[in-house]
């Protein structure tokens, strides 16, 4: 199973969209283990959304959709709007 996930950094009002087969390990990497990369600058991250897919291809397609302008608009309005 593959997951597309959305992380949110409240401190910096940043969104990160990714795909993984191990969400727990990936979140740990974003928040603690990684020593380089974009996400280390905006810690801490919390999971605000996730979707499951049977295939990697389906997950990659959805990740790409969420990274588009409309996808980010959906995240800001539908997901983060409910959290605020």
Protein backbone atom coordinates (compact mmCIF):
# COMPACT_ATOMS: atom_id res chain seq x y z
CA UNK A 1 0.00 0.00 0.00
CA UNK A 2 1.16 3.52 -0.81
CA UNK A 3 0.15 6.74 0.88
CA UNK A 4 0.02 10.28 -0.39
CA UNK A 5 0.31 12.63 2.55
CA UNK A 6 0.20 16.31 3.34
CA UNK A 7 2.32 17.78 6.09
CA UNK A 8 1.80 21.22 7.55
CA UNK A 9 4.18 23.45 9.47
CA UNK A 10 2.12 25.82 11.62
CA UNK A 11 5.17 27.85 12.62
CA UNK A 12 5.96 28.73 9.00
CA UNK A 13 2.56 28.18 7.29
CA UNK A 14 4.17 25.72 4.86
CA UNK A 15 2.71 22.67 3.13
CA UNK A 16 4.64 19.58 2.03
CA UNK A 17 3.12 16.88 -0.18
CA UNK A 18 4.75 13.47 -0.49
CA UNK A 19 4.28 9.77 -1.13
CA UNK A 20 5.52 6.79 0.87
CA UNK A 21 4.85 3.21 1.83
CA UNK A 22 5.80 3.85 5.48
CA UNK A 23 4.22 7.06 6.80
CA UNK A 24 5.42 6.69 10.38
CA UNK A 25 9.07 6.39 9.31
CA UNK A 26 8.70 9.18 6.75
CA UNK A 27 7.30 11.61 9.34
CA UNK A 28 10.15 10.75 11.69
CA UNK A 29 12.56 11.49 8.86
CA UNK A 30 10.95 14.87 8.14
CA UNK A 31 10.88 15.91 11.80
CA UNK A 32 14.07 14.41 13.26
CA UNK A 33 16.34 12.19 11.20
CA UNK A 34 17.05 14.13 8.01
CA UNK A 35 20.13 16.34 8.06
CA UNK A 36 19.49 18.04 4.72
CA UNK A 37 16.62 18.94 2.45
CA UNK A 38 13.81 21.46 2.24
CA UNK A 39 11.70 20.13 5.10
CA UNK A 40 14.36 20.51 7.82
CA UNK A 41 14.00 24.31 7.64
CA UNK A 42 10.35 24.27 8.65
CA UNK A 43 10.13 21.76 11.50
CA UNK A 44 8.00 20.58 13.22
CA UNK A 45 5.60 19.01 10.72
CA UNK A 46 2.25 17.39 11.41
CA UNK A 47 0.18 15.15 9.16
CA UNK A 48 -3.01 16.93 8.11
CA UNK A 49 -4.18 14.63 5.28
CA UNK A 50 -3.51 11.22 3.77
CA UNK A 51 -4.93 8.97 1.06
CA UNK A 52 -4.20 5.26 0.46
CA UNK A 53 -3.54 3.64 -2.92
CA UNK A 54 -2.93 0.06 -4.01
CA UNK A 55 -0.30 0.94 -6.60
CA UNK A 56 2.65 3.27 -6.70
CA UNK A 57 1.46 4.63 -10.05
CA UNK A 58 -1.91 5.68 -8.59
CA UNK A 59 -0.18 7.34 -5.64
CA UNK A 60 2.25 9.22 -7.87
CA UNK A 61 -0.64 10.47 -10.01
CA UNK A 62 -2.50 11.77 -6.95
CA UNK A 63 0.66 13.34 -5.52
CA UNK A 64 1.11 15.23 -8.78
CA UNK A 65 -2.53 16.39 -8.66
CA UNK A 66 -2.14 17.70 -5.10
CA UNK A 67 1.04 19.54 -6.05
CA UNK A 68 -0.80 21.46 -8.78
CA UNK A 69 -2.34 24.87 -8.17
CA UNK A 70 -5.81 23.34 -7.79
CA UNK A 71 -4.48 20.68 -5.46
CA UNK A 72 -2.81 23.21 -3.19
CA UNK A 73 -5.98 25.29 -3.29
CA UNK A 74 -7.94 22.18 -2.17
CA UNK A 75 -5.47 21.65 0.69
CA UNK A 76 -5.62 25.27 1.86
CA UNK A 77 -9.41 25.56 1.62
CA UNK A 78 -10.75 22.10 2.46
CA UNK A 79 -8.11 20.65 4.76
CA UNK A 80 -6.37 23.53 6.50
CA UNK A 81 -9.59 25.52 6.64
CA UNK A 82 -11.08 22.79 8.85
CA UNK A 83 -8.05 22.76 11.14
CA UNK A 84 -7.86 26.51 11.82
